[in-house]
C-alpha atoms as a PDB file:
ATOM      1  CA  MET A   1     243.170  55.050 155.742  1.00  0.00           C
ATOM      2  CA  ARG A   2     244.817  57.741 157.869  1.00  0.00           C
ATOM      3  CA  VAL A   3     242.737  60.714 158.969  1.00  0.00           C
ATOM      4  CA  HIS A   4     244.454  63.899 160.120  1.00  0.00           C
ATOM      5  CA  ALA A   5     242.519  66.927 161.345  1.00  0.00           C
ATOM      6  CA  CYS A   6     244.841  69.844 162.031  1.00  0.00           C
ATOM      7  CA  GLY A   7     243.840  73.052 163.821  1.00  0.00           C
ATOM      8  CA  VAL A   8     240.156  72.715 162.892  1.00  0.00           C
ATOM      9  CA  THR A   9     238.108  75.760 163.856  1.00  0.00           C
ATOM     10  CA  VAL A  10     234.421  75.828 162.968  1.00  0.00           C
ATOM     11  CA  GLN A  11     231.987  78.713 163.370  1.00  0.00           C
ATOM     12  CA  LEU A  12     228.213  78.514 163.093  1.00  0.00           C
ATOM     13  CA  ASP A  13     226.200  81.735 162.838  1.00  0.00           C
ATOM     14  CA  GLY A  14     229.210  83.655 164.067  1.00  0.00           C
ATOM     15  CA  THR A  15     229.688  81.437 167.127  1.00  0.00           C
ATOM     16  CA  GLU A  16     232.889  79.455 167.461  1.00  0.00           C
ATOM     17  CA  ILE A  17     232.035  75.780 168.040  1.00  0.00           C
ATOM     18  CA  THR A  18     235.503  74.227 167.779  1.00  0.00           C
ATOM     19  CA  ASN A  19     238.846  75.954 168.157  1.00  0.00           C
ATOM     20  CA  GLY A  20     242.125  74.604 166.818  1.00  0.00           C
ATOM     21  CA  CYS A  21     241.230  70.914 167.167  1.00  0.00           C
ATOM     22  CA  ASP A  22     243.815  68.315 166.183  1.00  0.00           C
ATOM     23  CA  LEU A  23     243.048  64.631 165.676  1.00  0.00           C
ATOM     24  CA  ILE A  24     244.859  61.693 164.112  1.00  0.00           C
ATOM     25  CA  ALA A  25     243.342  58.292 163.371  1.00  0.00           C
ATOM     26  CA  GLU A  26     245.782  55.752 162.010  1.00  0.00           C
ATOM     27  CA  PRO A  27     244.625  53.017 159.599  1.00  0.00           C
ATOM     28  CA  GLY A  28     242.480  50.428 161.386  1.00  0.00           C
ATOM     29  CA  GLN A  29     242.291  52.356 164.655  1.00  0.00           C
ATOM     30  CA  ILE A  30     239.139  53.113 166.620  1.00  0.00           C
ATOM     31  CA  VAL A  31     239.356  56.683 167.881  1.00  0.00           C
ATOM     32  CA  GLY A  32     236.810  58.020 170.351  1.00  0.00           C
ATOM     33  CA  LEU A  33     235.660  61.614 170.827  1.00  0.00           C
ATOM     34  CA  VAL A  34     234.364  62.213 174.340  1.00  0.00           C
ATOM     35  CA  GLY A  35     233.274  65.326 176.173  1.00  0.00           C
ATOM     36  CA  PRO A  36     230.273  66.973 177.817  1.00  0.00           C
ATOM     37  CA  ASN A  37     227.197  67.871 175.802  1.00  0.00           C
ATOM     38  CA  GLY A  38     227.921  70.880 173.614  1.00  0.00           C
ATOM     39  CA  SER A  39     231.685  70.368 173.652  1.00  0.00           C
ATOM     40  CA  GLY A  40     231.930  70.206 169.844  1.00  0.00           C
ATOM     41  CA  LYS A  41     232.155  66.464 169.178  1.00  0.00           C
ATOM     42  CA  SER A  42     229.533  66.320 166.424  1.00  0.00           C
ATOM     43  CA  THR A  43     230.821  69.517 164.849  1.00  0.00           C
ATOM     44  CA  LEU A  44     234.353  68.136 164.638  1.00  0.00           C
ATOM     45  CA  LEU A  45     233.024  64.933 163.071  1.00  0.00           C
ATOM     46  CA  ARG A  46     231.038  66.907 160.506  1.00  0.00           C
ATOM     47  CA  SER A  47     234.161  68.793 159.492  1.00  0.00           C
ATOM     48  CA  ILE A  48     235.945  65.471 158.960  1.00  0.00           C
ATOM     49  CA  TYR A  49     233.314  64.104 156.591  1.00  0.00           C
ATOM     50  CA  ARG A  50     233.001  67.384 154.684  1.00  0.00           C
ATOM     51  CA  ALA A  51     229.601  68.498 155.970  1.00  0.00           C
ATOM     52  CA  LEU A  52     230.980  71.649 157.638  1.00  0.00           C
ATOM     53  CA  ARG A  53     233.827  73.675 156.216  1.00  0.00           C
ATOM     54  CA  PRO A  54     236.232  74.986 158.872  1.00  0.00           C
ATOM     55  CA  VAL A  55     237.140  78.661 158.939  1.00  0.00           C
ATOM     56  CA  ALA A  56     240.669  77.550 159.853  1.00  0.00           C
ATOM     57  CA  GLY A  57     242.595  74.290 159.796  1.00  0.00           C
ATOM     58  CA  SER A  58     242.372  71.301 157.496  1.00  0.00           C
ATOM     59  CA  VAL A  59     241.309  67.666 157.280  1.00  0.00           C
ATOM     60  CA  HIS A  60     243.309  65.169 155.238  1.00  0.00           C
ATOM     61  CA  LEU A  61     242.508  61.615 154.181  1.00  0.00           C
ATOM     62  CA  ASP A  62     245.735  59.796 153.363  1.00  0.00           C
ATOM     63  CA  GLY A  63     247.275  63.198 152.681  1.00  0.00           C
ATOM     64  CA  ASP A  64     244.439  64.544 150.489  1.00  0.00           C
ATOM     65  CA  ASP A  65     242.577  67.634 151.697  1.00  0.00           C
ATOM     66  CA  VAL A  66     238.870  66.718 151.850  1.00  0.00           C
ATOM     67  CA  TRP A  67     237.925  70.108 150.418  1.00  0.00           C
ATOM     68  CA  GLN A  68     240.065  69.406 147.359  1.00  0.00           C
ATOM     69  CA  LEU A  69     238.073  66.215 146.795  1.00  0.00           C
ATOM     70  CA  SER A  70     234.600  66.059 145.298  1.00  0.00           C
ATOM     71  CA  ALA A  71     231.685  65.124 147.537  1.00  0.00           C
ATOM     72  CA  ARG A  72     231.418  61.847 145.623  1.00  0.00           C
ATOM     73  CA  GLU A  73     235.081  61.009 146.140  1.00  0.00           C
ATOM     74  CA  THR A  74     234.820  61.857 149.841  1.00  0.00           C
ATOM     75  CA  ALA A  75     231.832  59.514 150.121  1.00  0.00           C
ATOM     76  CA  ARG A  76     233.875  56.744 148.538  1.00  0.00           C
ATOM     77  CA  ARG A  77     236.423  57.174 151.316  1.00  0.00           C
ATOM     78  CA  VAL A  78     234.250  58.083 154.330  1.00  0.00           C
ATOM     79  CA  ALA A  79     230.935  56.596 155.428  1.00  0.00           C
ATOM     80  CA  VAL A  80     228.773  58.084 158.179  1.00  0.00           C
ATOM     81  CA  VAL A  81     226.326  56.666 160.698  1.00  0.00           C
ATOM     82  CA  ALA A  82     224.516  59.677 162.128  1.00  0.00           C
ATOM     83  CA  GLN A  83     223.426  60.210 165.716  1.00  0.00           C
ATOM     84  CA  GLU A  84     219.744  59.608 164.993  1.00  0.00           C
ATOM     85  CA  PRO A  85     218.747  56.875 162.523  1.00  0.00           C
ATOM     86  CA  PRO A  86     216.121  58.210 160.111  1.00  0.00           C
ATOM     87  CA  SER A  87     212.648  57.433 161.426  1.00  0.00           C
ATOM     88  CA  ASP A  88     210.546  58.384 158.399  1.00  0.00           C
ATOM     89  CA  PHE A  89     211.830  55.785 155.966  1.00  0.00           C
ATOM     90  CA  ASP A  90     209.208  54.290 153.671  1.00  0.00           C
ATOM     91  CA  PHE A  91     211.928  52.096 152.216  1.00  0.00           C
ATOM     92  CA  THR A  92     212.899  48.525 152.812  1.00  0.00           C
ATOM     93  CA  VAL A  93     216.113  47.489 154.482  1.00  0.00           C
ATOM     94  CA  GLN A  94     217.382  46.242 151.124  1.00  0.00           C
ATOM     95  CA  GLU A  95     216.695  49.592 149.448  1.00  0.00           C
ATOM     96  CA  VAL A  96     218.406  51.584 152.200  1.00  0.00           C
ATOM     97  CA  VAL A  97     221.540  49.439 152.129  1.00  0.00           C
ATOM     98  CA  GLU A  98     221.627  49.562 148.323  1.00  0.00           C
ATOM     99  CA  ALA A  99     221.815  53.353 148.651  1.00  0.00           C
ATOM    100  CA  GLY A 100     225.327  52.867 149.988  1.00  0.00           C
ATOM    101  CA  ARG A 101     226.411  52.021 146.442  1.00  0.00           C
ATOM    102  CA  THR A 102     225.428  55.494 145.142  1.00  0.00           C
ATOM    103  CA  PRO A 103     228.940  57.056 145.269  1.00  0.00           C
ATOM    104  CA  HIS A 104     230.179  54.278 142.982  1.00  0.00           C
ATOM    105  CA  LYS A 105     227.529  54.731 140.267  1.00  0.00           C
ATOM    106  CA  ARG A 106     226.594  57.279 137.655  1.00  0.00           C
ATOM    107  CA  MET A 107     223.327  59.170 138.015  1.00  0.00           C
ATOM    108  CA  PHE A 108     220.315  56.920 137.322  1.00  0.00           C
ATOM    109  CA  GLU A 109     222.570  53.895 136.860  1.00  0.00           C
ATOM    110  CA  ARG A 110     220.854  50.707 137.956  1.00  0.00           C
ATOM    111  CA  ASP A 111     222.276  48.251 140.459  1.00  0.00           C
ATOM    112  CA  SER A 112     224.650  45.787 138.870  1.00  0.00           C
ATOM    113  CA  PRO A 113     225.090  42.168 139.982  1.00  0.00           C
ATOM    114  CA  ASP A 114     228.200  43.338 141.845  1.00  0.00           C
ATOM    115  CA  ASP A 115     226.183  46.023 143.655  1.00  0.00           C
ATOM    116  CA  LEU A 116     223.598  43.464 144.719  1.00  0.00           C
ATOM    117  CA  ALA A 117     226.286  41.050 145.897  1.00  0.00           C
ATOM    118  CA  ILE A 118     227.984  43.780 147.947  1.00  0.00           C
ATOM    119  CA  THR A 119     224.624  44.750 149.466  1.00  0.00           C
ATOM    120  CA  ALA A 120     223.844  41.149 150.378  1.00  0.00           C
ATOM    121  CA  ALA A 121     227.278  40.707 151.952  1.00  0.00           C
ATOM    122  CA  ALA A 122     226.823  43.889 154.023  1.00  0.00           C
ATOM    123  CA  LEU A 123     223.440  42.711 155.310  1.00  0.00           C
ATOM    124  CA  GLU A 124     224.859  39.331 156.197  1.00  0.00           C
ATOM    125  CA  ARG A 125     227.785  40.856 158.048  1.00  0.00           C
ATOM    126  CA  VAL A 126     225.502  42.864 160.359  1.00  0.00           C
ATOM    127  CA  GLY A 127     223.068  39.987 160.806  1.00  0.00           C
ATOM    128  CA  MET A 128     220.181  41.650 158.965  1.00  0.00           C
ATOM    129  CA  SER A 129     219.763  39.436 155.890  1.00  0.00           C
ATOM    130  CA  ALA A 130     216.436  38.092 157.147  1.00  0.00           C
ATOM    131  CA  PHE A 131     215.130  41.676 157.414  1.00  0.00           C
ATOM    132  CA  ALA A 132     215.882  42.689 153.816  1.00  0.00           C
ATOM    133  CA  ASP A 133     212.224  43.085 152.841  1.00  0.00           C
ATOM    134  CA  ARG A 134     211.127  44.811 156.063  1.00  0.00           C
ATOM    135  CA  LEU A 135     210.361  48.534 156.117  1.00  0.00           C
ATOM    136  CA  VAL A 136     213.040  50.357 158.098  1.00  0.00           C
ATOM    137  CA  ALA A 137     210.338  52.271 159.978  1.00  0.00           C
ATOM    138  CA  THR A 138     209.182  49.000 161.584  1.00  0.00           C
ATOM    139  CA  LEU A 139     212.584  48.150 163.088  1.00  0.00           C
ATOM    140  CA  SER A 140     213.865  48.654 166.619  1.00  0.00           C
ATOM    141  CA  GLY A 141     216.531  51.258 167.340  1.00  0.00           C
ATOM    142  CA  GLY A 142     219.295  48.664 167.422  1.00  0.00           C
ATOM    143  CA  GLU A 143     218.118  47.104 164.175  1.00  0.00           C
ATOM    144  CA  LYS A 144     218.021  50.512 162.474  1.00  0.00           C
ATOM    145  CA  GLN A 145     221.583  51.206 163.551  1.00  0.00           C
ATOM    146  CA  ARG A 146     222.662  47.853 162.107  1.00  0.00           C
ATOM    147  CA  VAL A 147     221.013  48.811 158.827  1.00  0.00           C
ATOM    148  CA  MET A 148     222.911  52.111 158.827  1.00  0.00           C
ATOM    149  CA  VAL A 149     226.178  50.251 159.437  1.00  0.00           C
ATOM    150  CA  ALA A 150     225.297  47.867 156.599  1.00  0.00           C
ATOM    151  CA  ARG A 151     224.715  50.847 154.297  1.00  0.00           C
ATOM    152  CA  ALA A 152     228.131  52.175 155.327  1.00  0.00           C
ATOM    153  CA  LEU A 153     229.694  48.781 154.584  1.00  0.00           C
ATOM    154  CA  ALA A 154     228.037  48.699 151.164  1.00  0.00           C
ATOM    155  CA  GLN A 155     229.659  52.067 150.532  1.00  0.00           C
ATOM    156  CA  GLN A 156     233.032  50.258 150.876  1.00  0.00           C
ATOM    157  CA  SER A 157     234.664  53.290 152.461  1.00  0.00           C
ATOM    158  CA  ARG A 158     237.849  52.879 154.445  1.00  0.00           C
ATOM    159  CA  VAL A 159     236.791  55.335 157.153  1.00  0.00           C
ATOM    160  CA  LEU A 160     233.623  55.071 159.223  1.00  0.00           C
ATOM    161  CA  ILE A 161     232.314  58.023 161.247  1.00  0.00           C
ATOM    162  CA  LEU A 162     229.902  57.216 164.090  1.00  0.00           C
ATOM    163  CA  ASP A 163     228.096  60.025 165.904  1.00  0.00           C
ATOM    164  CA  GLU A 164     226.906  58.646 169.256  1.00  0.00           C
ATOM    165  CA  PRO A 165     225.920  55.336 167.641  1.00  0.00           C
ATOM    166  CA  THR A 166     224.507  53.839 170.863  1.00  0.00           C
ATOM    167  CA  ASN A 167     222.121  56.721 171.484  1.00  0.00           C
ATOM    168  CA  HIS A 168     218.715  55.411 172.689  1.00  0.00           C
ATOM    169  CA  LEU A 169     219.761  51.756 172.437  1.00  0.00           C
ATOM    170  CA  ASP A 170     219.307  49.261 175.261  1.00  0.00           C
ATOM    171  CA  ILE A 171     222.420  47.814 176.892  1.00  0.00           C
ATOM    172  CA  ARG A 172     222.560  44.623 174.836  1.00  0.00           C
ATOM    173  CA  ALA A 173     222.040  46.497 171.567  1.00  0.00           C
ATOM    174  CA  GLN A 174     224.795  48.956 172.533  1.00  0.00           C
ATOM    175  CA  LEU A 175     227.319  46.195 173.178  1.00  0.00           C
ATOM    176  CA  ASP A 176     226.296  44.212 170.098  1.00  0.00           C
ATOM    177  CA  LEU A 177     226.752  47.278 167.890  1.00  0.00           C
ATOM    178  CA  LEU A 178     230.145  48.162 169.366  1.00  0.00           C
ATOM    179  CA  GLU A 179     231.374  44.575 169.017  1.00  0.00           C
ATOM    180  CA  LEU A 180     230.221  44.657 165.409  1.00  0.00           C
ATOM    181  CA  VAL A 181     232.048  47.856 164.469  1.00  0.00           C
ATOM    182  CA  ARG A 182     235.185  46.817 166.361  1.00  0.00           C
ATOM    183  CA  GLY A 183     235.466  43.801 164.065  1.00  0.00           C
ATOM    184  CA  LEU A 184     235.255  45.770 160.810  1.00  0.00           C
ATOM    185  CA  GLY A 185     238.993  46.361 160.527  1.00  0.00           C
ATOM    186  CA  ILE A 186     238.708  49.872 159.095  1.00  0.00           C
ATOM    187  CA  THR A 187     239.506  53.304 160.518  1.00  0.00           C
ATOM    188  CA  ILE A 188     236.692  54.373 162.841  1.00  0.00           C
ATOM    189  CA  ILE A 189     236.127  57.729 164.543  1.00  0.00           C
ATOM    190  CA  ALA A 190     233.236  57.746 166.999  1.00  0.00           C
ATOM    191  CA  ALA A 191     231.692  60.354 169.251  1.00  0.00           C
ATOM    192  CA  LEU A 192     230.758  58.439 172.394  1.00  0.00           C
ATOM    193  CA  HIS A 193     228.522  59.501 175.251  1.00  0.00           C
ATOM    194  CA  GLU A 194     229.394  56.582 177.542  1.00  0.00           C
ATOM    195  CA  LEU A 195     232.998  56.778 178.760  1.00  0.00           C
ATOM    196  CA  ASN A 196     233.178  53.053 179.490  1.00  0.00           C
ATOM    197  CA  HIS A 197     232.494  52.376 175.822  1.00  0.00           C
ATOM    198  CA  ALA A 198     235.570  54.461 175.069  1.00  0.00           C
ATOM    199  CA  THR A 199     237.741  52.563 177.555  1.00  0.00           C
ATOM    200  CA  ALA A 200     236.513  49.191 176.254  1.00  0.00           C
ATOM    201  CA  TYR A 201     236.556  49.711 172.496  1.00  0.00           C
ATOM    202  CA  CYS A 202     238.842  52.616 171.542  1.00  0.00           C
ATOM    203  CA  ASP A 203     242.548  52.556 170.770  1.00  0.00           C
ATOM    204  CA  SER A 204     242.775  56.246 171.613  1.00  0.00           C
ATOM    205  CA  VAL A 205     240.476  59.030 172.786  1.00  0.00           C
ATOM    206  CA  TYR A 206     240.290  62.770 172.307  1.00  0.00           C
ATOM    207  CA  VAL A 207     238.638  64.718 175.106  1.00  0.00           C
ATOM    208  CA  LEU A 208     236.807  67.889 174.073  1.00  0.00           C
ATOM    209  CA  SER A 209     235.742  70.697 176.367  1.00  0.00           C
ATOM    210  CA  ARG A 210     234.254  73.989 175.179  1.00  0.00           C
ATOM    211  CA  GLY A 211     235.335  73.311 171.625  1.00  0.00           C
ATOM    212  CA  ARG A 212     238.954  72.457 172.362  1.00  0.00           C
ATOM    213  CA  VAL A 213     240.875  69.190 172.618  1.00  0.00           C
ATOM    214  CA  VAL A 214     242.095  69.198 176.215  1.00  0.00           C
ATOM    215  CA  ALA A 215     243.612  65.692 176.332  1.00  0.00           C
ATOM    216  CA  SER A 216     244.282  62.723 174.073  1.00  0.00           C
ATOM    217  CA  GLY A 217     245.876  59.311 174.240  1.00  0.00           C
ATOM    218  CA  VAL A 218     245.208  55.755 175.340  1.00  0.00           C
ATOM    219  CA  PRO A 219     241.861  55.776 177.205  1.00  0.00           C
ATOM    220  CA  ARG A 220     243.116  54.283 180.453  1.00  0.00           C
ATOM    221  CA  ASP A 221     245.954  56.808 180.667  1.00  0.00           C
ATOM    222  CA  THR A 222     243.908  59.782 179.453  1.00  0.00           C
ATOM    223  CA  LEU A 223     240.644  59.492 181.391  1.00  0.00           C
ATOM    224  CA  THR A 224     242.236  60.165 184.758  1.00  0.00           C
ATOM    225  CA  PRO A 225     240.335  61.123 187.924  1.00  0.00           C
ATOM    226  CA  GLU A 226     241.751  64.641 187.677  1.00  0.00           C
ATOM    227  CA  LEU A 227     240.645  65.112 184.073  1.00  0.00           C
ATOM    228  CA  LEU A 228     237.180  63.652 184.678  1.00  0.00           C
ATOM    229  CA  ARG A 229     236.713  65.903 187.686  1.00  0.00           C
ATOM    230  CA  THR A 230     237.731  68.982 185.696  1.00  0.00           C
ATOM    231  CA  VAL A 231     235.921  68.245 182.420  1.00  0.00           C
ATOM    232  CA  PHE A 232     232.864  66.259 183.514  1.00  0.00           C
ATOM    233  CA  GLY A 233     232.487  67.341 187.143  1.00  0.00           C
ATOM    234  CA  VAL A 234     232.528  63.789 188.522  1.00  0.00           C
ATOM    235  CA  GLU A 235     234.675  61.748 190.861  1.00  0.00           C
ATOM    236  CA  SER A 236     235.839  58.479 189.344  1.00  0.00           C
ATOM    237  CA  HIS A 237     237.491  55.208 190.189  1.00  0.00           C
ATOM    238  CA  GLY A 238     238.970  52.820 187.647  1.00  0.00           C
ATOM    239  CA  HIS A 239     239.203  49.070 188.013  1.00  0.00           C
ATOM    240  CA  VAL A 240     239.394  45.924 185.919  1.00  0.00           C
ATOM    241  CA  HIS A 241     235.929  44.549 185.246  1.00  0.00           C
ATOM    242  CA  PRO A 242     235.687  41.069 186.819  1.00  0.00           C
ATOM    243  CA  VAL A 243     233.777  39.599 183.850  1.00  0.00           C
ATOM    244  CA  SER A 244     235.110  41.366 180.749  1.00  0.00           C
ATOM    245  CA  GLY A 245     238.653  41.927 182.024  1.00  0.00           C
ATOM    246  CA  ARG A 246     238.494  45.442 180.575  1.00  0.00           C
ATOM    247  CA  TYR A 247     239.256  48.695 182.360  1.00  0.00           C
ATOM    248  CA  HIS A 248     236.047  50.121 183.788  1.00  0.00           C
ATOM    249  CA  LEU A 249     235.170  53.464 185.368  1.00  0.00           C
ATOM    250  CA  LEU A 250     232.834  54.102 188.286  1.00  0.00           C
ATOM    251  CA  PHE A 251     231.442  57.578 188.903  1.00  0.00           C
ATOM    252  CA  ALA A 252     230.107  59.710 191.740  1.00  0.00           C
ATOM    253  CA  PRO A 253     229.138  63.390 191.941  1.00  0.00           C
ATOM    254  CA  VAL A 254     231.827  65.821 192.983  1.00  0.00           C
ATOM    255  CA  ALA A 255     231.157  67.136 196.475  1.00  0.00           C
ATOM    256  CA  GLU A 256     229.768  70.676 196.339  1.00  0.00           C
ATOM    257  CA  ALA A 257     232.668  72.016 198.394  1.00  0.00           C
ATOM    258  CA  ALA A 258     235.091  70.702 195.779  1.00  0.00           C
ATOM    259  CA  LEU A 259     233.423  72.456 192.859  1.00  0.00           C
END
């Protein structure tokens, strides 16, 4: 599914959070949103999945304006893994993943054999089948994120929104999760805190600063030393990682005299 955000401006309590943001994610692409804290990444994502209505601009899914769709229809097309996995769940893994089937059912409709099969397949795909009867509250951060991805898979949406999905995860869990989502084959838009995750896993990146898109394109060509110095206040050096073979960035503080 193609996602096109055009000129998105969002205000919260009279404060402008994003201004005229454009973004395109082609079918099957992984698109990264990067930028300093407070640059508007999460706000732009929320406008894409219909949680915040822009005061200007539009968001289209395969040509359909999200605000002309019902919330249920939007949920059939777009699934979301939020920045912080819920920590107060008194539900099992199975129950949480089954909730992904809600947009496809009538109110109070029970799970059908198809729903249960889709749920089981989603759990298997993220490697959490053995945890189906565990309470989500007892899981590690990485395991919770896998459950949230499984719920998104059970939703069978063609777009997946990830808001800093590796937040608070250890290094192995971060890489495992990113490898998992890269193999899904659907359109993915992810706000990423770690720039090397963007260079390793994204087809394109959009760089936000103070609510505006200041650069976009292929990560290696976009995340230049000049841009990183201006937007993030760091010196950088890019090289090919000797183990992964992927482009990798090294960082150092900008000298005070250069600021």
